[in-house]
Amino acid sequence: MKNRHHRRAAFTLTELMVCASLLATVMSFVATISIRTDRLWKDTRHQKIALDELGNQLEYLTTLNLPEAQQAINSLEISPDTRALLPRASLKGKIEKPPGSIQIVLTLEIDGESVTRGTHHAPLTLVGFLSASPTQEITLQSQPADQAEVTNPPKANDQPETLRESVQESGEEE
């Protein structure tokens, strides 16, 4: 009896069908994951743009005194660049005066569904604080907030004229 080793030179049709179905399954998973990832990146980008807009608006408003801030809040508008990217977004602001501070509350809402199915964007809210008045600063020391001191900032003539004088004065004090 001869021992024959019969080697196959090709794949059978059944093996090719199994391989094709496994390949199709893997490709569908990869496609689904890449589509979802793309949608999440778009949502994240929209949230970042909205947060940047809120931060820019709040930074500007906190540099104003109370009457100017109130007037600016009454005429709030989203910047043209943000409007181009988020056409249905709306920006709202208000001033709140809890004891001991003046707060500016800005809310940006992105209307409509997010890019990912079935979810909605939650409104983004940022809060900033105004000084008590343009000529006063609130300085908080290591004491409760209700006992914070209100001091007048140094006058322009009390401050050193140059950085070099400032460094020399700090060196003399040591």
C-alpha atoms as a PDB file:
ATOM      1  CA  MET A   1       0.000   0.000   0.000  1.00  0.00           C
ATOM      2  CA  LYS A   2       1.309   3.227  -1.035  1.00  0.00           C
ATOM      3  CA  ASN A   3       0.966   6.158   1.242  1.00  0.00           C
ATOM      4  CA  ARG A   4      -0.254   8.964  -0.886  1.00  0.00           C
ATOM      5  CA  HIS A   5      -0.184  12.479   0.264  1.00  0.00           C
ATOM      6  CA  HIS A   6      -2.730  14.359  -1.663  1.00  0.00           C
ATOM      7  CA  ARG A   7      -2.230  18.117  -1.432  1.00  0.00           C
ATOM      8  CA  ARG A   8      -4.984  20.469  -2.410  1.00  0.00           C
ATOM      9  CA  ALA A   9      -3.900  23.293  -4.635  1.00  0.00           C
ATOM     10  CA  ALA A  10      -6.929  25.573  -4.050  1.00  0.00           C
ATOM     11  CA  PHE A  11      -9.704  26.492  -1.643  1.00  0.00           C
ATOM     12  CA  THR A  12     -13.119  24.939  -1.768  1.00  0.00           C
ATOM     13  CA  LEU A  13     -16.178  26.976  -2.523  1.00  0.00           C
ATOM     14  CA  THR A  14     -17.445  26.529   1.041  1.00  0.00           C
ATOM     15  CA  GLU A  15     -14.222  27.917   2.478  1.00  0.00           C
ATOM     16  CA  LEU A  16     -14.406  30.929   0.190  1.00  0.00           C
ATOM     17  CA  MET A  17     -18.040  31.597   1.174  1.00  0.00           C
ATOM     18  CA  VAL A  18     -17.190  31.445   4.899  1.00  0.00           C
ATOM     19  CA  CYS A  19     -14.215  33.752   4.384  1.00  0.00           C
ATOM     20  CA  ALA A  20     -16.302  36.259   2.381  1.00  0.00           C
ATOM     21  CA  SER A  21     -19.052  36.336   5.005  1.00  0.00           C
ATOM     22  CA  LEU A  22     -16.528  36.879   7.820  1.00  0.00           C
ATOM     23  CA  LEU A  23     -14.848  39.631   5.836  1.00  0.00           C
ATOM     24  CA  ALA A  24     -18.212  41.319   5.151  1.00  0.00           C
ATOM     25  CA  THR A  25     -19.113  41.152   8.861  1.00  0.00           C
ATOM     26  CA  VAL A  26     -15.825  42.697   9.940  1.00  0.00           C
ATOM     27  CA  MET A  27     -16.116  45.427   7.295  1.00  0.00           C
ATOM     28  CA  SER A  28     -19.652  46.305   8.430  1.00  0.00           C
ATOM     29  CA  PHE A  29     -18.442  46.642  12.041  1.00  0.00           C
ATOM     30  CA  VAL A  30     -15.559  48.856  10.980  1.00  0.00           C
ATOM     31  CA  ALA A  31     -17.834  51.021   8.829  1.00  0.00           C
ATOM     32  CA  THR A  32     -20.373  51.403  11.647  1.00  0.00           C
ATOM     33  CA  ILE A  33     -17.698  52.331  14.159  1.00  0.00           C
ATOM     34  CA  SER A  34     -16.072  54.857  11.816  1.00  0.00           C
ATOM     35  CA  ILE A  35     -19.440  56.526  11.064  1.00  0.00           C
ATOM     36  CA  ARG A  36     -20.256  56.786  14.770  1.00  0.00           C
ATOM     37  CA  THR A  37     -16.789  58.120  15.535  1.00  0.00           C
ATOM     38  CA  ASP A  38     -17.166  60.755  12.831  1.00  0.00           C
ATOM     39  CA  ARG A  39     -20.521  61.834  14.302  1.00  0.00           C
ATOM     40  CA  LEU A  40     -19.052  62.037  17.793  1.00  0.00           C
ATOM     41  CA  TRP A  41     -16.161  64.150  16.521  1.00  0.00           C
ATOM     42  CA  LYS A  42     -18.639  66.540  14.875  1.00  0.00           C
ATOM     43  CA  ASP A  43     -20.651  66.806  18.096  1.00  0.00           C
ATOM     44  CA  THR A  44     -17.495  67.396  20.072  1.00  0.00           C
ATOM     45  CA  ARG A  45     -16.398  70.071  17.613  1.00  0.00           C
ATOM     46  CA  HIS A  46     -19.777  71.831  17.905  1.00  0.00           C
ATOM     47  CA  GLN A  47     -19.557  71.733  21.704  1.00  0.00           C
ATOM     48  CA  LYS A  48     -16.022  73.148  21.614  1.00  0.00           C
ATOM     49  CA  ILE A  49     -17.026  75.936  19.243  1.00  0.00           C
ATOM     50  CA  ALA A  50     -19.984  76.803  21.486  1.00  0.00           C
ATOM     51  CA  LEU A  51     -17.781  76.763  24.593  1.00  0.00           C
ATOM     52  CA  ASP A  52     -15.173  78.973  22.905  1.00  0.00           C
ATOM     53  CA  GLU A  53     -17.912  81.439  21.948  1.00  0.00           C
ATOM     54  CA  LEU A  54     -19.224  81.525  25.517  1.00  0.00           C
ATOM     55  CA  GLY A  55     -15.726  82.009  26.906  1.00  0.00           C
ATOM     56  CA  ASN A  56     -14.971  84.871  24.515  1.00  0.00           C
ATOM     57  CA  GLN A  57     -18.260  86.621  25.253  1.00  0.00           C
ATOM     58  CA  LEU A  58     -17.862  86.193  29.022  1.00  0.00           C
ATOM     59  CA  GLU A  59     -14.262  87.392  28.978  1.00  0.00           C
ATOM     60  CA  TYR A  60     -15.360  90.582  27.232  1.00  0.00           C
ATOM     61  CA  LEU A  61     -18.331  91.154  29.542  1.00  0.00           C
ATOM     62  CA  THR A  62     -16.295  90.748  32.732  1.00  0.00           C
ATOM     63  CA  THR A  63     -14.030  93.628  31.688  1.00  0.00           C
ATOM     64  CA  LEU A  64     -16.985  96.053  31.719  1.00  0.00           C
ATOM     65  CA  ASN A  65     -18.557  97.880  34.634  1.00  0.00           C
ATOM     66  CA  LEU A  66     -22.118  97.025  35.660  1.00  0.00           C
ATOM     67  CA  PRO A  67     -24.074  99.502  33.465  1.00  0.00           C
ATOM     68  CA  GLU A  68     -21.949  98.714  30.406  1.00  0.00           C
ATOM     69  CA  ALA A  69     -22.277  94.966  31.056  1.00  0.00           C
ATOM     70  CA  GLN A  70     -26.074  95.263  31.329  1.00  0.00           C
ATOM     71  CA  GLN A  71     -26.221  97.161  28.055  1.00  0.00           C
ATOM     72  CA  ALA A  72     -23.933  94.634  26.357  1.00  0.00           C
ATOM     73  CA  ILE A  73     -26.041  91.720  27.621  1.00  0.00           C
ATOM     74  CA  ASN A  74     -29.174  93.316  26.190  1.00  0.00           C
ATOM     75  CA  SER A  75     -27.511  93.367  22.760  1.00  0.00           C
ATOM     76  CA  LEU A  76     -25.722  89.989  22.823  1.00  0.00           C
ATOM     77  CA  GLU A  77     -25.069  88.402  19.443  1.00  0.00           C
ATOM     78  CA  ILE A  78     -23.178  85.313  18.412  1.00  0.00           C
ATOM     79  CA  SER A  79     -20.041  86.069  16.421  1.00  0.00           C
ATOM     80  CA  PRO A  80     -20.296  85.645  12.631  1.00  0.00           C
ATOM     81  CA  ASP A  81     -17.761  82.788  12.590  1.00  0.00           C
ATOM     82  CA  THR A  82     -19.706  80.834  15.194  1.00  0.00           C
ATOM     83  CA  ARG A  83     -23.000  81.644  13.474  1.00  0.00           C
ATOM     84  CA  ALA A  84     -21.633  80.159  10.238  1.00  0.00           C
ATOM     85  CA  LEU A  85     -20.782  76.888  12.007  1.00  0.00           C
ATOM     86  CA  LEU A  86     -23.798  76.755  14.359  1.00  0.00           C
ATOM     87  CA  PRO A  87     -26.614  78.508  12.481  1.00  0.00           C
ATOM     88  CA  ARG A  88     -29.386  77.599  14.951  1.00  0.00           C
ATOM     89  CA  ALA A  89     -27.531  78.496  18.144  1.00  0.00           C
ATOM     90  CA  SER A  90     -28.932  81.112  20.519  1.00  0.00           C
ATOM     91  CA  LEU A  91     -27.082  83.115  23.169  1.00  0.00           C
ATOM     92  CA  LYS A  92     -28.750  84.470  26.311  1.00  0.00           C
ATOM     93  CA  GLY A  93     -27.312  86.345  29.237  1.00  0.00           C
ATOM     94  CA  LYS A  94     -28.388  87.793  32.552  1.00  0.00           C
ATOM     95  CA  ILE A  95     -26.918  89.517  35.559  1.00  0.00           C
ATOM     96  CA  GLU A  96     -27.537  88.039  38.977  1.00  0.00           C
ATOM     97  CA  LYS A  97     -26.682  89.740  42.245  1.00  0.00           C
ATOM     98  CA  PRO A  98     -26.290  87.187  45.005  1.00  0.00           C
ATOM     99  CA  PRO A  99     -24.973  88.634  48.297  1.00  0.00           C
ATOM    100  CA  GLY A 100     -21.370  89.753  47.987  1.00  0.00           C
ATOM    101  CA  SER A 101     -20.951  89.477  44.214  1.00  0.00           C
ATOM    102  CA  ILE A 102     -22.272  90.364  40.806  1.00  0.00           C
ATOM    103  CA  GLN A 103     -22.510  87.435  38.416  1.00  0.00           C
ATOM    104  CA  ILE A 104     -22.894  87.348  34.661  1.00  0.00           C
ATOM    105  CA  VAL A 105     -24.582  84.129  33.513  1.00  0.00           C
ATOM    106  CA  LEU A 106     -24.323  83.280  29.801  1.00  0.00           C
ATOM    107  CA  THR A 107     -26.144  80.351  28.199  1.00  0.00           C
ATOM    108  CA  LEU A 108     -25.632  79.114  24.650  1.00  0.00           C
ATOM    109  CA  GLU A 109     -28.151  76.659  23.297  1.00  0.00           C
ATOM    110  CA  ILE A 110     -27.622  74.675  20.126  1.00  0.00           C
ATOM    111  CA  ASP A 111     -31.113  74.057  18.770  1.00  0.00           C
ATOM    112  CA  GLY A 112     -32.063  70.767  17.201  1.00  0.00           C
ATOM    113  CA  GLU A 113     -30.711  67.278  17.443  1.00  0.00           C
ATOM    114  CA  SER A 114     -27.056  66.631  17.695  1.00  0.00           C
ATOM    115  CA  VAL A 115     -25.302  64.745  14.938  1.00  0.00           C
ATOM    116  CA  THR A 116     -25.515  61.508  16.926  1.00  0.00           C
ATOM    117  CA  ARG A 117     -28.985  60.086  16.593  1.00  0.00           C
ATOM    118  CA  GLY A 118     -31.579  60.591  19.282  1.00  0.00           C
ATOM    119  CA  THR A 119     -29.560  62.926  21.501  1.00  0.00           C
ATOM    120  CA  HIS A 120     -29.957  66.639  22.040  1.00  0.00           C
ATOM    121  CA  HIS A 121     -27.314  69.144  23.026  1.00  0.00           C
ATOM    122  CA  ALA A 122     -27.664  70.340  26.591  1.00  0.00           C
ATOM    123  CA  PRO A 123     -27.363  74.123  26.886  1.00  0.00           C
ATOM    124  CA  LEU A 124     -23.892  75.306  27.873  1.00  0.00           C
ATOM    125  CA  THR A 125     -23.691  77.802  30.735  1.00  0.00           C
ATOM    126  CA  LEU A 126     -20.748  79.851  32.001  1.00  0.00           C
ATOM    127  CA  VAL A 127     -20.703  82.215  34.977  1.00  0.00           C
ATOM    128  CA  GLY A 128     -18.333  85.158  35.436  1.00  0.00           C
ATOM    129  CA  PHE A 129     -18.005  87.760  38.163  1.00  0.00           C
ATOM    130  CA  LEU A 130     -17.840  91.549  38.029  1.00  0.00           C
ATOM    131  CA  SER A 131     -16.006  93.740  40.517  1.00  0.00           C
ATOM    132  CA  ALA A 132     -18.122  95.710  42.985  1.00  0.00           C
ATOM    133  CA  SER A 133     -17.393  98.903  41.049  1.00  0.00           C
ATOM    134  CA  PRO A 134     -14.772 100.089  38.573  1.00  0.00           C
ATOM    135  CA  THR A 135     -12.790 101.823  41.369  1.00  0.00           C
ATOM    136  CA  GLN A 136     -12.972  98.991  43.919  1.00  0.00           C
ATOM    137  CA  GLU A 137     -11.658  95.460  44.003  1.00  0.00           C
ATOM    138  CA  ILE A 138     -12.883  92.601  46.136  1.00  0.00           C
ATOM    139  CA  THR A 139      -9.917  90.872  47.757  1.00  0.00           C
ATOM    140  CA  LEU A 140     -10.519  87.525  49.361  1.00  0.00           C
ATOM    141  CA  GLN A 141      -8.174  86.490  52.103  1.00  0.00           C
ATOM    142  CA  SER A 142      -8.163  83.364  54.214  1.00  0.00           C
ATOM    143  CA  GLN A 143     -11.468  84.218  55.834  1.00  0.00           C
ATOM    144  CA  PRO A 144     -15.102  83.406  55.072  1.00  0.00           C
ATOM    145  CA  ALA A 145     -16.501  84.970  51.903  1.00  0.00           C
ATOM    146  CA  ASP A 146     -18.993  87.103  53.844  1.00  0.00           C
ATOM    147  CA  GLN A 147     -16.070  88.822  55.614  1.00  0.00           C
ATOM    148  CA  ALA A 148     -14.145  89.707  52.452  1.00  0.00           C
ATOM    149  CA  GLU A 149     -12.471  93.077  52.434  1.00  0.00           C
ATOM    150  CA  VAL A 150     -13.206  95.695  49.802  1.00  0.00           C
ATOM    151  CA  THR A 151     -10.129  97.791  49.155  1.00  0.00           C
ATOM    152  CA  ASN A 152      -9.288 100.540  46.733  1.00  0.00           C
ATOM    153  CA  PRO A 153      -6.642  99.602  44.168  1.00  0.00           C
ATOM    154  CA  PRO A 154      -3.346 101.520  44.280  1.00  0.00           C
ATOM    155  CA  LYS A 155      -3.310 104.791  42.408  1.00  0.00           C
ATOM    156  CA  ALA A 156      -1.328 105.139  39.210  1.00  0.00           C
ATOM    157  CA  ASN A 157       1.315 107.348  40.891  1.00  0.00           C
ATOM    158  CA  ASP A 158       1.862 104.739  43.654  1.00  0.00           C
ATOM    159  CA  GLN A 159       3.031 102.136  41.148  1.00  0.00           C
ATOM    160  CA  PRO A 160       6.620 101.969  39.843  1.00  0.00           C
ATOM    161  CA  GLU A 161       7.060 103.511  36.428  1.00  0.00           C
ATOM    162  CA  THR A 162       9.153 100.737  34.960  1.00  0.00           C
ATOM    163  CA  LEU A 163       9.651  97.046  35.426  1.00  0.00           C
ATOM    164  CA  ARG A 164      13.266  97.676  36.453  1.00  0.00           C
ATOM    165  CA  GLU A 165      12.156  99.910  39.357  1.00  0.00           C
ATOM    166  CA  SER A 166       9.691  97.212  40.380  1.00  0.00           C
ATOM    167  CA  VAL A 167      12.440  94.571  40.438  1.00  0.00           C
ATOM    168  CA  GLN A 168      14.822  96.868  42.332  1.00  0.00           C
ATOM    169  CA  GLU A 169      12.168  97.642  44.950  1.00  0.00           C
ATOM    170  CA  SER A 170      11.379  93.944  45.437  1.00  0.00           C
ATOM    171  CA  GLY A 171      15.127  93.236  45.792  1.00  0.00           C
ATOM    172  CA  GLU A 172      15.530  95.972  48.463  1.00  0.00           C
ATOM    173  CA  GLU A 173      12.666  94.544  50.515  1.00  0.00           C
ATOM    174  CA  GLU A 174      14.363  91.125  50.860  1.00  0.00           C
END
